[in-house]
Amino acid sequence: FCEVIGSKADMIDTLFTDFKARLKDAQKHNSKRFKTGIAIHSPYSVHP
């Protein structure tokens, strides 16, 4: 589960870009035994 975190509105674009890069890198290794997912850290720490 690649996790996203960040509640500051002015950082959303940067955080989203970083998250997508980590997710894409993890997905390169998808196999029968390894799959990717998405984790939202929490309601208090991630901007809607």
ModelCIF file with pLDDT and N, C-alpha, C, O atoms, coordinates in Angstrom:
data_MODEL
#
_entry.id   MODEL 
#
_entity.id                         1 
_entity.type                       polymer 
_entity.pdbx_number_of_molecules   1 
#
_entity_poly.entity_id                      1 
_entity_poly.type                           'polypeptide(L)' 
_entity_poly.nstd_linkage                   no 
_entity_poly.nstd_monomer                   no 
_entity_poly.pdbx_seq_one_letter_code       FCEVIGSKADMIDTLFTDFKARLKDAQKHNSKRFKTGIAIHSPYSVHP 
_entity_poly.pdbx_seq_one_letter_code_can   FCEVIGSKADMIDTLFTDFKARLKDAQKHNSKRFKTGIAIHSPYSVHP 
_entity_poly.pdbx_strand_id                 A 
#
loop_
_entity_poly_seq.entity_id 
_entity_poly_seq.num 
_entity_poly_seq.mon_id 
_entity_poly_seq.hetero 
1 1  PHE n 
1 2  CYS n 
1 3  GLU n 
1 4  VAL n 
1 5  ILE n 
1 6  GLY n 
1 7  SER n 
1 8  LYS n 
1 9  ALA n 
1 10 ASP n 
1 11 MET n 
1 12 ILE n 
1 13 ASP n 
1 14 THR n 
1 15 LEU n 
1 16 PHE n 
1 17 THR n 
1 18 ASP n 
1 19 PHE n 
1 20 LYS n 
1 21 ALA n 
1 22 ARG n 
1 23 LEU n 
1 24 LYS n 
1 25 ASP n 
1 26 ALA n 
1 27 GLN n 
1 28 LYS n 
1 29 HIS n 
1 30 ASN n 
1 31 SER n 
1 32 LYS n 
1 33 ARG n 
1 34 PHE n 
1 35 LYS n 
1 36 THR n 
1 37 GLY n 
1 38 ILE n 
1 39 ALA n 
1 40 ILE n 
1 41 HIS n 
1 42 SER n 
1 43 PRO n 
1 44 TYR n 
1 45 SER n 
1 46 VAL n 
1 47 HIS n 
1 48 PRO n 
#
_struct_asym.id          A 
_struct_asym.entity_id   1 
#
loop_
_ma_qa_metric.id 
_ma_qa_metric.mode 
_ma_qa_metric.name 
_ma_qa_metric.software_group_id 
_ma_qa_metric.type 
1 global pLDDT . pLDDT 
2 local  pLDDT . pLDDT 
#
_ma_qa_metric_global.metric_id      1 
_ma_qa_metric_global.metric_value   96.92 
_ma_qa_metric_global.model_id       1 
_ma_qa_metric_global.ordinal_id     1 
#
loop_
_ma_qa_metric_local.label_asym_id 
_ma_qa_metric_local.label_comp_id 
_ma_qa_metric_local.label_seq_id 
_ma_qa_metric_local.metric_id 
_ma_qa_metric_local.metric_value 
_ma_qa_metric_local.model_id 
_ma_qa_metric_local.ordinal_id 
A PHE 1  2 98.00 1 1  
A CYS 2  2 98.00 1 2  
A GLU 3  2 98.00 1 3  
A VAL 4  2 98.00 1 4  
A ILE 5  2 96.00 1 5  
A GLY 6  2 95.00 1 6  
A SER 7  2 92.00 1 7  
A LYS 8  2 90.00 1 8  
A ALA 9  2 92.00 1 9  
A ASP 10 2 92.00 1 10 
A MET 11 2 94.00 1 11 
A ILE 12 2 96.00 1 12 
A ASP 13 2 96.00 1 13 
A THR 14 2 97.00 1 14 
A LEU 15 2 97.00 1 15 
A PHE 16 2 98.00 1 16 
A THR 17 2 97.00 1 17 
A ASP 18 2 97.00 1 18 
A PHE 19 2 98.00 1 19 
A LYS 20 2 98.00 1 20 
A ALA 21 2 98.00 1 21 
A ARG 22 2 98.00 1 22 
A LEU 23 2 98.00 1 23 
A LYS 24 2 98.00 1 24 
A ASP 25 2 98.00 1 25 
A ALA 26 2 98.00 1 26 
A GLN 27 2 98.00 1 27 
A LYS 28 2 98.00 1 28 
A HIS 29 2 98.00 1 29 
A ASN 30 2 98.00 1 30 
A SER 31 2 98.00 1 31 
A LYS 32 2 96.00 1 32 
A ARG 33 2 98.00 1 33 
A PHE 34 2 98.00 1 34 
A LYS 35 2 98.00 1 35 
A THR 36 2 98.00 1 36 
A GLY 37 2 98.00 1 37 
A ILE 38 2 98.00 1 38 
A ALA 39 2 98.00 1 39 
A ILE 40 2 98.00 1 40 
A HIS 41 2 98.00 1 41 
A SER 42 2 98.00 1 42 
A PRO 43 2 98.00 1 43 
A TYR 44 2 96.00 1 44 
A SER 45 2 96.00 1 45 
A VAL 46 2 97.00 1 46 
A HIS 47 2 97.00 1 47 
A PRO 48 2 97.00 1 48 
#
loop_
_atom_site.group_PDB 
_atom_site.id 
_atom_site.type_symbol 
_atom_site.label_atom_id 
_atom_site.label_alt_id 
_atom_site.label_comp_id 
_atom_site.label_asym_id 
_atom_site.label_entity_id 
_atom_site.label_seq_id 
_atom_site.pdbx_PDB_ins_code 
_atom_site.Cartn_x 
_atom_site.Cartn_y 
_atom_site.Cartn_z 
_atom_site.occupancy 
_atom_site.B_iso_or_equiv 
_atom_site.pdbx_formal_charge 
_atom_site.auth_seq_id 
_atom_site.auth_comp_id 
_atom_site.auth_asym_id 
_atom_site.auth_atom_id 
_atom_site.pdbx_PDB_model_num 
ATOM 1   N N  . PHE A 1 1  ? 0.841   -1.202  0.000   1.00 98.00 ? 1  PHE A N  1 
ATOM 2   C CA . PHE A 1 1  ? 0.000   0.000   0.000   1.00 98.00 ? 1  PHE A CA 1 
ATOM 3   C C  . PHE A 1 1  ? 0.872   1.247   0.000   1.00 98.00 ? 1  PHE A C  1 
ATOM 4   O O  . PHE A 1 1  ? 1.455   1.601   1.025   1.00 98.00 ? 1  PHE A O  1 
ATOM 5   N N  . CYS A 1 2  ? 0.961   1.908   -1.139  1.00 98.00 ? 2  CYS A N  1 
ATOM 6   C CA . CYS A 1 2  ? 1.677   3.182   -1.206  1.00 98.00 ? 2  CYS A CA 1 
ATOM 7   C C  . CYS A 1 2  ? 0.832   4.246   -0.512  1.00 98.00 ? 2  CYS A C  1 
ATOM 8   O O  . CYS A 1 2  ? -0.319  4.480   -0.881  1.00 98.00 ? 2  CYS A O  1 
ATOM 9   N N  . GLU A 1 3  ? 1.413   4.879   0.487   1.00 98.00 ? 3  GLU A N  1 
ATOM 10  C CA . GLU A 1 3  ? 0.644   5.793   1.332   1.00 98.00 ? 3  GLU A CA 1 
ATOM 11  C C  . GLU A 1 3  ? 0.810   7.244   0.911   1.00 98.00 ? 3  GLU A C  1 
ATOM 12  O O  . GLU A 1 3  ? 1.894   7.686   0.531   1.00 98.00 ? 3  GLU A O  1 
ATOM 13  N N  . VAL A 1 4  ? -0.297  7.972   0.991   1.00 98.00 ? 4  VAL A N  1 
ATOM 14  C CA . VAL A 1 4  ? -0.279  9.409   0.727   1.00 98.00 ? 4  VAL A CA 1 
ATOM 15  C C  . VAL A 1 4  ? -0.590  10.140  2.023   1.00 98.00 ? 4  VAL A C  1 
ATOM 16  O O  . VAL A 1 4  ? -1.442  9.716   2.803   1.00 98.00 ? 4  VAL A O  1 
ATOM 17  N N  . ILE A 1 5  ? 0.117   11.248  2.239   1.00 96.00 ? 5  ILE A N  1 
ATOM 18  C CA . ILE A 1 5  ? -0.086  12.054  3.438   1.00 96.00 ? 5  ILE A CA 1 
ATOM 19  C C  . ILE A 1 5  ? 0.164   13.512  3.096   1.00 96.00 ? 5  ILE A C  1 
ATOM 20  O O  . ILE A 1 5  ? 1.006   13.815  2.251   1.00 96.00 ? 5  ILE A O  1 
ATOM 21  N N  . GLY A 1 6  ? -0.557  14.416  3.741   1.00 95.00 ? 6  GLY A N  1 
ATOM 22  C CA . GLY A 1 6  ? -0.368  15.851  3.535   1.00 95.00 ? 6  GLY A CA 1 
ATOM 23  C C  . GLY A 1 6  ? -1.682  16.602  3.593   1.00 95.00 ? 6  GLY A C  1 
ATOM 24  O O  . GLY A 1 6  ? -2.592  16.319  2.815   1.00 95.00 ? 6  GLY A O  1 
ATOM 25  N N  . SER A 1 7  ? -1.795  17.559  4.508   1.00 92.00 ? 7  SER A N  1 
ATOM 26  C CA . SER A 1 7  ? -3.056  18.282  4.688   1.00 92.00 ? 7  SER A CA 1 
ATOM 27  C C  . SER A 1 7  ? -2.997  19.743  4.252   1.00 92.00 ? 7  SER A C  1 
ATOM 28  O O  . SER A 1 7  ? -4.004  20.448  4.317   1.00 92.00 ? 7  SER A O  1 
ATOM 29  N N  . LYS A 1 8  ? -1.822  20.206  3.805   1.00 90.00 ? 8  LYS A N  1 
ATOM 30  C CA . LYS A 1 8  ? -1.700  21.608  3.384   1.00 90.00 ? 8  LYS A CA 1 
ATOM 31  C C  . LYS A 1 8  ? -2.120  21.748  1.922   1.00 90.00 ? 8  LYS A C  1 
ATOM 32  O O  . LYS A 1 8  ? -1.609  21.053  1.044   1.00 90.00 ? 8  LYS A O  1 
ATOM 33  N N  . ALA A 1 9  ? -3.055  22.654  1.682   1.00 92.00 ? 9  ALA A N  1 
ATOM 34  C CA . ALA A 1 9  ? -3.627  22.820  0.343   1.00 92.00 ? 9  ALA A CA 1 
ATOM 35  C C  . ALA A 1 9  ? -2.563  23.213  -0.682  1.00 92.00 ? 9  ALA A C  1 
ATOM 36  O O  . ALA A 1 9  ? -2.609  22.766  -1.827  1.00 92.00 ? 9  ALA A O  1 
ATOM 37  N N  . ASP A 1 10 ? -1.606  24.046  -0.274  1.00 92.00 ? 10 ASP A N  1 
ATOM 38  C CA . ASP A 1 10 ? -0.611  24.532  -1.237  1.00 92.00 ? 10 ASP A CA 1 
ATOM 39  C C  . ASP A 1 10 ? 0.447   23.479  -1.582  1.00 92.00 ? 10 ASP A C  1 
ATOM 40  O O  . ASP A 1 10 ? 1.319   23.723  -2.415  1.00 92.00 ? 10 ASP A O  1 
ATOM 41  N N  . MET A 1 11 ? 0.368   22.318  -0.944  1.00 94.00 ? 11 MET A N  1 
ATOM 42  C CA . MET A 1 11 ? 1.337   21.250  -1.220  1.00 94.00 ? 11 MET A CA 1 
ATOM 43  C C  . MET A 1 11 ? 0.715   20.082  -1.987  1.00 94.00 ? 11 MET A C  1 
ATOM 44  O O  . MET A 1 11 ? 1.396   19.095  -2.267  1.00 94.00 ? 11 MET A O  1 
ATOM 45  N N  . ILE A 1 12 ? -0.565  20.184  -2.327  1.00 96.00 ? 12 ILE A N  1 
ATOM 46  C CA . ILE A 1 12 ? -1.283  19.050  -2.925  1.00 96.00 ? 12 ILE A CA 1 
ATOM 47  C C  . ILE A 1 12 ? -0.619  18.563  -4.207  1.00 96.00 ? 12 ILE A C  1 
ATOM 48  O O  . ILE A 1 12 ? -0.415  17.361  -4.375  1.00 96.00 ? 12 ILE A O  1 
ATOM 49  N N  . ASP A 1 13 ? -0.283  19.466  -5.103  1.00 96.00 ? 13 ASP A N  1 
ATOM 50  C CA . ASP A 1 13 ? 0.300   19.070  -6.391  1.00 96.00 ? 13 ASP A CA 1 
ATOM 51  C C  . ASP A 1 13 ? 1.624   18.335  -6.203  1.00 96.00 ? 13 ASP A C  1 
ATOM 52  O O  . ASP A 1 13 ? 1.866   17.311  -6.842  1.00 96.00 ? 13 ASP A O  1 
ATOM 53  N N  . THR A 1 14 ? 2.476   18.857  -5.331  1.00 97.00 ? 14 THR A N  1 
ATOM 54  C CA . THR A 1 14 ? 3.773   18.233  -5.079  1.00 97.00 ? 14 THR A CA 1 
ATOM 55  C C  . THR A 1 14 ? 3.606   16.850  -4.463  1.00 97.00 ? 14 THR A C  1 
ATOM 56  O O  . THR A 1 14 ? 4.265   15.894  -4.872  1.00 97.00 ? 14 THR A O  1 
ATOM 57  N N  . LEU A 1 15 ? 2.718   16.752  -3.477  1.00 97.00 ? 15 LEU A N  1 
ATOM 58  C CA . LEU A 1 15 ? 2.489   15.475  -2.800  1.00 97.00 ? 15 LEU A CA 1 
ATOM 59  C C  . LEU A 1 15 ? 1.875   14.444  -3.739  1.00 97.00 ? 15 LEU A C  1 
ATOM 60  O O  . LEU A 1 15 ? 2.219   13.263  -3.692  1.00 97.00 ? 15 LEU A O  1 
ATOM 61  N N  . PHE A 1 16 ? 0.969   14.901  -4.587  1.00 98.00 ? 16 PHE A N  1 
ATOM 62  C CA . PHE A 1 16 ? 0.318   13.988  -5.530  1.00 98.00 ? 16 PHE A CA 1 
ATOM 63  C C  . PHE A 1 16 ? 1.328   13.467  -6.553  1.00 98.00 ? 16 PHE A C  1 
ATOM 64  O O  . PHE A 1 16 ? 1.293   12.293  -6.925  1.00 98.00 ? 16 PHE A O  1 
ATOM 65  N N  . THR A 1 17 ? 2.218   14.333  -7.001  1.00 97.00 ? 17 THR A N  1 
ATOM 66  C CA . THR A 1 17 ? 3.250   13.924  -7.957  1.00 97.00 ? 17 THR A CA 1 
ATOM 67  C C  . THR A 1 17 ? 4.187   12.892  -7.332  1.00 97.00 ? 17 THR A C  1 
ATOM 68  O O  . THR A 1 17 ? 4.535   11.897  -7.966  1.00 97.00 ? 17 THR A O  1 
ATOM 69  N N  . ASP A 1 18 ? 4.588   13.135  -6.093  1.00 97.00 ? 18 ASP A N  1 
ATOM 70  C CA . ASP A 1 18 ? 5.458   12.189  -5.390  1.00 97.00 ? 18 ASP A CA 1 
ATOM 71  C C  . ASP A 1 18 ? 4.759   10.846  -5.197  1.00 97.00 ? 18 ASP A C  1 
ATOM 72  O O  . ASP A 1 18 ? 5.362   9.791   -5.396  1.00 97.00 ? 18 ASP A O  1 
ATOM 73  N N  . PHE A 1 19 ? 3.491   10.890  -4.810  1.00 98.00 ? 19 PHE A N  1 
ATOM 74  C CA . PHE A 1 19 ? 2.729   9.649   -4.616  1.00 98.00 ? 19 PHE A CA 1 
ATOM 75  C C  . PHE A 1 19 ? 2.641   8.848   -5.915  1.00 98.00 ? 19 PHE A C  1 
ATOM 76  O O  . PHE A 1 19 ? 2.870   7.639   -5.913  1.00 98.00 ? 19 PHE A O  1 
ATOM 77  N N  . LYS A 1 20 ? 2.317   9.503   -7.004  1.00 98.00 ? 20 LYS A N  1 
ATOM 78  C CA . LYS A 1 20 ? 2.177   8.804   -8.281  1.00 98.00 ? 20 LYS A CA 1 
ATOM 79  C C  . LYS A 1 20 ? 3.494   8.160   -8.706  1.00 98.00 ? 20 LYS A C  1 
ATOM 80  O O  . LYS A 1 20 ? 3.502   7.071   -9.278  1.00 98.00 ? 20 LYS A O  1 
ATOM 81  N N  . ALA A 1 21 ? 4.600   8.836   -8.424  1.00 98.00 ? 21 ALA A N  1 
ATOM 82  C CA . ALA A 1 21 ? 5.913   8.278   -8.787  1.00 98.00 ? 21 ALA A CA 1 
ATOM 83  C C  . ALA A 1 21 ? 6.196   7.015   -7.975  1.00 98.00 ? 21 ALA A C  1 
ATOM 84  O O  . ALA A 1 21 ? 6.680   6.023   -8.522  1.00 98.00 ? 21 ALA A O  1 
ATOM 85  N N  . ARG A 1 22 ? 5.897   7.044   -6.670  1.00 98.00 ? 22 ARG A N  1 
ATOM 86  C CA . ARG A 1 22 ? 6.126   5.864   -5.829  1.00 98.00 ? 22 ARG A CA 1 
ATOM 87  C C  . ARG A 1 22 ? 5.212   4.719   -6.238  1.00 98.00 ? 22 ARG A C  1 
ATOM 88  O O  . ARG A 1 22 ? 5.637   3.565   -6.275  1.00 98.00 ? 22 ARG A O  1 
ATOM 89  N N  . LEU A 1 23 ? 3.960   5.033   -6.544  1.00 98.00 ? 23 LEU A N  1 
ATOM 90  C CA . LEU A 1 23 ? 3.020   3.992   -6.960  1.00 98.00 ? 23 LEU A CA 1 
ATOM 91  C C  . LEU A 1 23 ? 3.469   3.357   -8.271  1.00 98.00 ? 23 LEU A C  1 
ATOM 92  O O  . LEU A 1 23 ? 3.461   2.133   -8.408  1.00 98.00 ? 23 LEU A O  1 
ATOM 93  N N  . LYS A 1 24 ? 3.860   4.187   -9.233  1.00 98.00 ? 24 LYS A N  1 
ATOM 94  C CA . LYS A 1 24 ? 4.301   3.677   -10.532 1.00 98.00 ? 24 LYS A CA 1 
ATOM 95  C C  . LYS A 1 24 ? 5.529   2.797   -10.381 1.00 98.00 ? 24 LYS A C  1 
ATOM 96  O O  . LYS A 1 24 ? 5.643   1.760   -11.034 1.00 98.00 ? 24 LYS A O  1 
ATOM 97  N N  . ASP A 1 25 ? 6.449   3.215   -9.515  1.00 98.00 ? 25 ASP A N  1 
ATOM 98  C CA . ASP A 1 25 ? 7.666   2.427   -9.304  1.00 98.00 ? 25 ASP A CA 1 
ATOM 99  C C  . ASP A 1 25 ? 7.327   1.071   -8.679  1.00 98.00 ? 25 ASP A C  1 
ATOM 100 O O  . ASP A 1 25 ? 7.889   0.050   -9.076  1.00 98.00 ? 25 ASP A O  1 
ATOM 101 N N  . ALA A 1 26 ? 6.413   1.055   -7.706  1.00 98.00 ? 26 ALA A N  1 
ATOM 102 C CA . ALA A 1 26 ? 6.018   -0.206  -7.070  1.00 98.00 ? 26 ALA A CA 1 
ATOM 103 C C  . ALA A 1 26 ? 5.300   -1.117  -8.054  1.00 98.00 ? 26 ALA A C  1 
ATOM 104 O O  . ALA A 1 26 ? 5.487   -2.333  -8.024  1.00 98.00 ? 26 ALA A O  1 
ATOM 105 N N  . GLN A 1 27 ? 4.482   -0.539  -8.924  1.00 98.00 ? 27 GLN A N  1 
ATOM 106 C CA . GLN A 1 27 ? 3.701   -1.339  -9.867  1.00 98.00 ? 27 GLN A CA 1 
ATOM 107 C C  . GLN A 1 27 ? 4.561   -2.037  -10.910 1.00 98.00 ? 27 GLN A C  1 
ATOM 108 O O  . GLN A 1 27 ? 4.111   -2.993  -11.541 1.00 98.00 ? 27 GLN A O  1 
ATOM 109 N N  . LYS A 1 28 ? 5.785   -1.575  -11.098 1.00 98.00 ? 28 LYS A N  1 
ATOM 110 C CA . LYS A 1 28 ? 6.703   -2.251  -12.015 1.00 98.00 ? 28 LYS A CA 1 
ATOM 111 C C  . LYS A 1 28 ? 6.994   -3.678  -11.553 1.00 98.00 ? 28 LYS A C  1 
ATOM 112 O O  . LYS A 1 28 ? 7.385   -4.530  -12.351 1.00 98.00 ? 28 LYS A O  1 
ATOM 113 N N  . HIS A 1 29 ? 6.801   -3.925  -10.271 1.00 98.00 ? 29 HIS A N  1 
ATOM 114 C CA . HIS A 1 29 ? 7.152   -5.224  -9.699  1.00 98.00 ? 29 HIS A CA 1 
ATOM 115 C C  . HIS A 1 29 ? 5.944   -6.129  -9.493  1.00 98.00 ? 29 HIS A C  1 
ATOM 116 O O  . HIS A 1 29 ? 6.065   -7.191  -8.882  1.00 98.00 ? 29 HIS A O  1 
ATOM 117 N N  . ASN A 1 30 ? 4.784   -5.722  -9.994  1.00 98.00 ? 30 ASN A N  1 
ATOM 118 C CA . ASN A 1 30 ? 3.587   -6.538  -9.814  1.00 98.00 ? 30 ASN A CA 1 
ATOM 119 C C  . ASN A 1 30 ? 3.811   -7.968  -10.322 1.00 98.00 ? 30 ASN A C  1 
ATOM 120 O O  . ASN A 1 30 ? 4.382   -8.177  -11.392 1.00 98.00 ? 30 ASN A O  1 
ATOM 121 N N  . SER A 1 31 ? 3.355   -8.932  -9.545  1.00 98.00 ? 31 SER A N  1 
ATOM 122 C CA . SER A 1 31 ? 3.519   -10.344 -9.898  1.00 98.00 ? 31 SER A CA 1 
ATOM 123 C C  . SER A 1 31 ? 2.415   -11.132 -9.204  1.00 98.00 ? 31 SER A C  1 
ATOM 124 O O  . SER A 1 31 ? 1.521   -10.550 -8.590  1.00 98.00 ? 31 SER A O  1 
ATOM 125 N N  . LYS A 1 32 ? 2.480   -12.444 -9.303  1.00 96.00 ? 32 LYS A N  1 
ATOM 126 C CA . LYS A 1 32 ? 1.501   -13.279 -8.604  1.00 96.00 ? 32 LYS A CA 1 
ATOM 127 C C  . LYS A 1 32 ? 1.570   -13.039 -7.098  1.00 96.00 ? 32 LYS A C  1 
ATOM 128 O O  . LYS A 1 32 ? 0.561   -13.134 -6.399  1.00 96.00 ? 32 LYS A O  1 
ATOM 129 N N  . ARG A 1 33 ? 2.749   -12.734 -6.613  1.00 98.00 ? 33 ARG A N  1 
ATOM 130 C CA . ARG A 1 33 ? 2.962   -12.614 -5.170  1.00 98.00 ? 33 ARG A CA 1 
ATOM 131 C C  . ARG A 1 33 ? 2.963   -11.185 -4.658  1.00 98.00 ? 33 ARG A C  1 
ATOM 132 O O  . ARG A 1 33 ? 2.806   -10.955 -3.459  1.00 98.00 ? 33 ARG A O  1 
ATOM 133 N N  . PHE A 1 34 ? 3.137   -10.233 -5.545  1.00 98.00 ? 34 PHE A N  1 
ATOM 134 C CA . PHE A 1 34 ? 3.285   -8.835  -5.141  1.00 98.00 ? 34 PHE A CA 1 
ATOM 135 C C  . PHE A 1 34 ? 2.297   -7.966  -5.915  1.00 98.00 ? 34 PHE A C  1 
ATOM 136 O O  . PHE A 1 34 ? 2.321   -7.933  -7.145  1.00 98.00 ? 34 PHE A O  1 
ATOM 137 N N  . LYS A 1 35 ? 1.433   -7.267  -5.192  1.00 98.00 ? 35 LYS A N  1 
ATOM 138 C CA . LYS A 1 35 ? 0.457   -6.358  -5.803  1.00 98.00 ? 35 LYS A CA 1 
ATOM 139 C C  . LYS A 1 35 ? 0.509   -5.020  -5.076  1.00 98.00 ? 35 LYS A C  1 
ATOM 140 O O  . LYS A 1 35 ? 0.907   -4.944  -3.914  1.00 98.00 ? 35 LYS A O  1 
ATOM 141 N N  . THR A 1 36 ? 0.106   -3.985  -5.769  1.00 98.00 ? 36 THR A N  1 
ATOM 142 C CA . THR A 1 36 ? 0.099   -2.658  -5.154  1.00 98.00 ? 36 THR A CA 1 
ATOM 143 C C  . THR A 1 36 ? -1.307  -2.255  -4.749  1.00 98.00 ? 36 THR A C  1 
ATOM 144 O O  . THR A 1 36 ? -2.296  -2.710  -5.323  1.00 98.00 ? 36 THR A O  1 
ATOM 145 N N  . GLY A 1 37 ? -1.372  -1.395  -3.750  1.00 98.00 ? 37 GLY A N  1 
ATOM 146 C CA . GLY A 1 37 ? -2.614  -0.801  -3.298  1.00 98.00 ? 37 GLY A CA 1 
ATOM 147 C C  . GLY A 1 37 ? -2.360  0.636   -2.907  1.00 98.00 ? 37 GLY A C  1 
ATOM 148 O O  . GLY A 1 37 ? -1.254  1.150   -3.077  1.00 98.00 ? 37 GLY A O  1 
ATOM 149 N N  . ILE A 1 38 ? -3.378  1.281   -2.388  1.00 98.00 ? 38 ILE A N  1 
ATOM 150 C CA . ILE A 1 38 ? -3.285  2.697   -2.006  1.00 98.00 ? 38 ILE A CA 1 
ATOM 151 C C  . ILE A 1 38 ? -3.695  2.857   -0.551  1.00 98.00 ? 38 ILE A C  1 
ATOM 152 O O  . ILE A 1 38 ? -4.717  2.323   -0.122  1.00 98.00 ? 38 ILE A O  1 
ATOM 153 N N  . ALA A 1 39 ? -2.891  3.595   0.205   1.00 98.00 ? 39 ALA A N  1 
ATOM 154 C CA . ALA A 1 39 ? -3.213  3.914   1.595   1.00 98.00 ? 39 ALA A CA 1 
ATOM 155 C C  . ALA A 1 39 ? -3.385  5.422   1.746   1.00 98.00 ? 39 ALA A C  1 
ATOM 156 O O  . ALA A 1 39 ? -2.520  6.206   1.355   1.00 98.00 ? 39 ALA A O  1 
ATOM 157 N N  . ILE A 1 40 ? -4.515  5.808   2.320   1.00 98.00 ? 40 ILE A N  1 
ATOM 158 C CA . ILE A 1 40 ? -4.737  7.194   2.735   1.00 98.00 ? 40 ILE A CA 1 
ATOM 159 C C  . ILE A 1 40 ? -4.354  7.245   4.203   1.00 98.00 ? 40 ILE A C  1 
ATOM 160 O O  . ILE A 1 40 ? -4.909  6.493   5.005   1.00 98.00 ? 40 ILE A O  1 
ATOM 161 N N  . HIS A 1 41 ? -3.420  8.110   4.578   1.00 98.00 ? 41 HIS A N  1 
ATOM 162 C CA . HIS A 1 41 ? -2.920  8.026   5.957   1.00 98.00 ? 41 HIS A CA 1 
ATOM 163 C C  . HIS A 1 41 ? -4.040  8.142   6.984   1.00 98.00 ? 41 HIS A C  1 
ATOM 164 O O  . HIS A 1 41 ? -4.195  7.248   7.817   1.00 98.00 ? 41 HIS A O  1 
ATOM 165 N N  . SER A 1 42 ? -4.821  9.213   6.949   1.00 98.00 ? 42 SER A N  1 
ATOM 166 C CA . SER A 1 42 ? -5.900  9.411   7.924   1.00 98.00 ? 42 SER A CA 1 
ATOM 167 C C  . SER A 1 42 ? -6.698  10.645  7.541   1.00 98.00 ? 42 SER A C  1 
ATOM 168 O O  . SER A 1 42 ? -6.241  11.444  6.723   1.00 98.00 ? 42 SER A O  1 
ATOM 169 N N  . PRO A 1 43 ? -7.894  10.817  8.122   1.00 98.00 ? 43 PRO A N  1 
ATOM 170 C CA . PRO A 1 43 ? -8.680  12.019  7.807   1.00 98.00 ? 43 PRO A CA 1 
ATOM 171 C C  . PRO A 1 43 ? -8.039  13.305  8.310   1.00 98.00 ? 43 PRO A C  1 
ATOM 172 O O  . PRO A 1 43 ? -8.287  14.370  7.746   1.00 98.00 ? 43 PRO A O  1 
ATOM 173 N N  . TYR A 1 44 ? -7.221  13.233  9.358   1.00 96.00 ? 44 TYR A N  1 
ATOM 174 C CA . TYR A 1 44 ? -6.629  14.466  9.878   1.00 96.00 ? 44 TYR A CA 1 
ATOM 175 C C  . TYR A 1 44 ? -5.370  14.867  9.130   1.00 96.00 ? 44 TYR A C  1 
ATOM 176 O O  . TYR A 1 44 ? -4.925  16.008  9.254   1.00 96.00 ? 44 TYR A O  1 
ATOM 177 N N  . SER A 1 45 ? -4.782  13.958  8.355   1.00 96.00 ? 45 SER A N  1 
ATOM 178 C CA . SER A 1 45 ? -3.469  14.233  7.773   1.00 96.00 ? 45 SER A CA 1 
ATOM 179 C C  . SER A 1 45 ? -3.456  14.297  6.246   1.00 96.00 ? 45 SER A C  1 
ATOM 180 O O  . SER A 1 45 ? -2.399  14.524  5.657   1.00 96.00 ? 45 SER A O  1 
ATOM 181 N N  . VAL A 1 46 ? -4.596  14.103  5.595   1.00 97.00 ? 46 VAL A N  1 
ATOM 182 C CA . VAL A 1 46 ? -4.647  14.160  4.128   1.00 97.00 ? 46 VAL A CA 1 
ATOM 183 C C  . VAL A 1 46 ? -5.781  15.099  3.710   1.00 97.00 ? 46 VAL A C  1 
ATOM 184 O O  . VAL A 1 46 ? -6.930  14.920  4.113   1.00 97.00 ? 46 VAL A O  1 
ATOM 185 N N  . HIS A 1 47 ? -5.443  16.089  2.904   1.00 97.00 ? 47 HIS A N  1 
ATOM 186 C CA . HIS A 1 47 ? -6.434  17.055  2.439   1.00 97.00 ? 47 HIS A CA 1 
ATOM 187 C C  . HIS A 1 47 ? -7.466  16.343  1.561   1.00 97.00 ? 47 HIS A C  1 
ATOM 188 O O  . HIS A 1 47 ? -7.095  15.502  0.742   1.00 97.00 ? 47 HIS A O  1 
ATOM 189 N N  . PRO A 1 48 ? -8.756  16.664  1.716   1.00 97.00 ? 48 PRO A N  1 
ATOM 190 C CA . PRO A 1 48 ? -9.790  15.979  0.924   1.00 97.00 ? 48 PRO A CA 1 
ATOM 191 C C  . PRO A 1 48 ? -9.584  16.069  -0.583  1.00 97.00 ? 48 PRO A C  1 
ATOM 192 O O  . PRO A 1 48 ? -10.386 15.534  -1.349  1.00 97.00 ? 48 PRO A O  1 
#
